[in-house]
Protein backbone atom coordinates (compact mmCIF):
# COMPACT_ATOMS: atom_id res chain seq x y z
CA MET A 1 0.71 -25.92 -33.61
CA THR A 2 -1.66 -26.51 -30.90
CA GLU A 3 -0.81 -28.71 -27.82
CA PRO A 4 -2.99 -31.66 -28.24
CA ARG A 5 -6.05 -32.05 -25.54
CA PRO A 6 -5.65 -34.23 -22.74
CA MET A 7 -6.81 -37.81 -22.37
CA ALA A 8 -9.95 -38.04 -20.59
CA ALA A 9 -7.30 -40.33 -17.84
CA ASP A 10 -5.11 -37.42 -17.69
CA ARG A 11 -8.17 -35.09 -16.64
CA ALA A 12 -9.26 -37.45 -14.57
CA GLU A 13 -5.96 -37.68 -13.02
CA ARG A 14 -5.39 -33.74 -12.96
CA ASP A 15 -8.39 -33.39 -11.21
CA ALA A 16 -8.06 -35.89 -8.40
CA ARG A 17 -5.17 -34.21 -7.65
CA LEU A 18 -6.30 -30.91 -7.49
CA SER A 19 -9.03 -32.41 -5.50
CA ALA A 20 -6.83 -33.52 -3.14
CA ILE A 21 -4.65 -30.16 -2.95
CA MET A 22 -7.83 -28.23 -2.72
CA ASP A 23 -9.44 -29.95 0.00
CA GLU A 24 -6.83 -28.88 2.20
CA ILE A 25 -6.91 -25.20 1.50
CA ASP A 26 -8.27 -23.17 3.49
CA LEU A 27 -8.55 -19.24 2.15
CA THR A 28 -9.55 -18.14 5.66
CA SER A 29 -6.10 -19.28 7.01
CA THR A 30 -4.25 -18.83 3.94
CA THR A 31 -1.99 -15.66 5.33
CA SER A 32 -1.95 -13.82 1.29
CA HIS A 33 -6.02 -14.07 1.53
CA VAL A 34 -6.21 -12.85 4.98
CA LEU A 35 -4.08 -9.82 4.51
CA ARG A 36 -5.70 -9.08 1.71
CA ARG A 37 -8.84 -9.28 3.37
CA ALA A 38 -7.97 -6.67 6.27
CA HIS A 39 -6.02 -4.45 3.73
CA PHE A 40 -9.49 -3.53 2.22
CA ARG A 41 -11.25 -3.70 5.59
CA ALA A 42 -8.45 -0.71 6.67
CA GLU A 43 -9.06 0.88 3.20
CA ALA A 44 -13.14 1.26 3.36
CA LEU A 45 -12.51 2.12 7.08
CA PHE A 46 -10.01 5.13 5.38
CA GLU A 47 -13.06 6.35 3.39
CA THR A 48 -15.50 6.64 6.28
CA ILE A 49 -12.96 7.98 8.95
CA MET A 50 -11.04 10.26 6.72
CA GLN A 51 -13.56 12.32 5.08
CA SER A 52 -11.21 12.65 2.65
CA GLY A 53 -13.31 13.31 -0.53
CA ASP A 54 -11.67 11.12 -3.09
CA LEU A 55 -8.08 10.96 -1.48
CA THR A 56 -7.34 7.58 -1.77
CA PRO A 57 -4.91 5.62 1.34
CA ARG A 58 -1.80 5.96 -1.09
CA GLN A 59 -2.36 9.64 -1.76
CA MET A 60 -2.51 10.85 1.38
CA ALA A 61 0.75 8.85 2.19
CA ALA A 62 2.25 10.52 -0.80
CA LEU A 63 0.91 14.05 0.49
CA ALA A 64 2.42 13.35 3.99
CA ALA A 65 5.74 12.22 2.25
CA ALA A 66 5.78 15.45 0.02
CA TYR A 67 5.10 17.54 3.29
CA GLN A 68 8.18 15.92 5.08
CA ARG A 69 10.26 15.49 2.43
CA PRO A 70 9.66 18.97 0.84
CA GLY A 71 11.60 18.62 -3.07
CA ALA A 72 12.27 14.94 -2.82
CA THR A 73 12.24 13.72 -5.75
CA VAL A 74 9.63 11.53 -7.61
CA ALA A 75 12.17 7.91 -6.95
CA GLU A 76 12.53 9.10 -3.42
CA LEU A 77 8.80 9.70 -2.64
CA ALA A 78 8.23 6.44 -4.61
CA GLU A 79 10.42 4.69 -1.84
CA ALA A 80 9.44 6.45 0.65
CA ILE A 81 5.92 5.35 0.34
CA ALA A 82 6.95 1.83 -1.01
CA VAL A 83 5.23 2.42 -4.25
CA ASP A 84 7.01 2.18 -7.57
CA ARG A 85 7.72 5.83 -9.79
CA ASN A 86 5.13 4.81 -12.62
CA THR A 87 2.63 4.08 -10.03
CA LEU A 88 3.45 7.60 -7.87
CA THR A 89 3.88 9.66 -11.36
CA ALA A 90 0.29 8.53 -11.92
CA MET A 91 -0.58 9.70 -8.21
CA LEU A 92 1.40 12.68 -8.63
CA SER A 93 -0.78 13.61 -12.14
CA ARG A 94 -3.62 13.41 -10.59
CA LEU A 95 -2.50 15.82 -6.74
CA MET A 96 -1.31 18.17 -9.71
CA ALA A 97 -4.41 18.22 -10.99
CA ARG A 98 -6.21 19.39 -8.02
CA GLY A 99 -3.51 21.81 -7.15
CA LEU A 100 -2.34 19.77 -4.31
CA VAL A 101 1.29 19.44 -4.92
CA GLU A 102 3.49 21.14 -7.72
CA ARG A 103 6.73 19.64 -9.35
CA GLN A 104 9.75 21.72 -10.38
CA PRO A 105 13.02 20.64 -11.98
CA SER A 106 15.23 19.42 -9.28
CA ALA A 107 18.00 21.37 -8.67
CA ALA A 108 20.34 18.51 -7.89
CA ASP A 109 19.55 16.42 -11.21
CA ARG A 110 18.15 17.88 -14.28
CA ARG A 111 16.49 14.63 -15.14
CA ALA A 112 14.56 14.49 -12.16
CA TRP A 113 11.49 16.57 -10.79
CA SER A 114 10.93 17.58 -7.37
CA ILE A 115 7.95 17.47 -5.77
CA PHE A 116 6.16 19.67 -3.42
CA ILE A 117 3.31 20.30 -1.52
CA THR A 118 0.84 23.70 -2.38
CA ASP A 119 -0.79 25.12 0.27
CA ALA A 120 -4.17 23.56 -0.89
CA GLY A 121 -2.43 20.56 0.00
CA LYS A 122 -1.40 21.53 3.49
CA ASP A 123 -5.29 22.08 4.11
CA VAL A 124 -6.10 18.96 2.86
CA LEU A 125 -3.81 17.39 5.26
CA LEU A 126 -4.93 19.40 7.88
CA ASP A 127 -8.58 18.17 7.64
CA VAL A 128 -7.42 14.43 6.82
CA VAL A 129 -4.70 14.02 9.65
CA PRO A 130 -6.40 14.40 12.41
CA ASN A 131 -8.62 11.98 12.00
CA SER A 132 -5.89 9.26 11.66
CA GLU A 133 -5.63 8.62 14.64
CA ARG A 134 -9.35 7.24 14.99
CA LEU A 135 -8.55 5.26 11.88
CA GLN A 136 -5.70 3.63 13.42
CA ALA A 137 -7.79 2.50 16.45
CA GLU A 138 -10.71 1.27 14.00
CA ILE A 139 -8.51 -0.61 12.10
CA LEU A 140 -7.05 -2.48 15.38
CA ARG A 141 -10.36 -2.38 17.57
CA PRO A 142 -11.05 -6.23 16.84
CA LEU A 143 -7.65 -7.32 18.37
CA PRO A 144 -7.42 -7.48 22.18
CA PRO A 145 -5.40 -4.28 23.39
CA GLU A 146 -2.48 -6.45 24.87
CA TYR A 147 -2.21 -7.60 21.16
CA ARG A 148 -2.15 -4.54 19.27
CA PRO A 149 1.46 -3.53 19.66
CA LEU A 150 2.58 -6.31 18.84
CA PHE A 151 0.79 -7.23 15.56
CA VAL A 152 1.80 -3.14 14.16
CA LYS A 153 5.21 -4.74 14.80
CA CYS A 154 4.84 -8.04 13.10
CA LEU A 155 3.42 -5.90 10.43
CA ARG A 156 6.72 -3.74 10.35
CA LEU A 157 8.98 -6.57 10.39
CA MET A 158 7.06 -7.90 7.69
CA SER A 159 7.10 -4.97 5.49
CA GLY A 160 10.92 -4.88 5.67
CA LEU A 161 10.42 -1.40 8.47
CA GLU A 162 12.36 -2.79 11.30
CA GLY A 163 16.11 -2.97 11.44
CA ASN A 164 16.50 -6.80 12.68
CA SER A 165 14.05 -8.12 9.68
CA PRO A 166 15.39 -10.11 7.07
CA ASP A 167 13.39 -8.08 4.52
CA ALA A 168 15.02 -4.96 6.05
CA ALA A 169 17.42 -4.42 3.09
CA GLY A 170 14.02 -4.78 0.48
CA PRO A 171 11.77 -7.51 -1.10
CA LEU A 172 13.19 -10.23 -2.95
CA SER A 173 14.50 -10.77 -6.13
């Protein structure tokens, strides 16, 4: 059974309420919208500056985490780079197909895989990571120099990476 269509008076009332609400909204002042735009800018700069071929920022993070945590499980790497396990598993499949990482059964947990960066993966990091400082500088370039450390600290607080942030224990459920 379908819902009855709203009557013209109901639609007019809804439209008037919506208009009043929407007249107050400026997307360029909405935190989530501005963060998304900044994220897209950072990703575009990553492609330009890092000269990483078809390596995405998240794939680079996965490679870096695999290098820094040899033998980590998929769950451990997913936590380290803040993506869910399914997303990381798909990423790792692409990285394995390119020969940048390999997996082996975990010695500690037979149900898990341990991830290791290969020599080819190390070569990719060696080509890409030296550009990282330039990337960070370019991302922060629009900010006055004195704001940059505070901005990064604020992002770390918002991301739960600072110990005294309300979200340090994880995102809200």
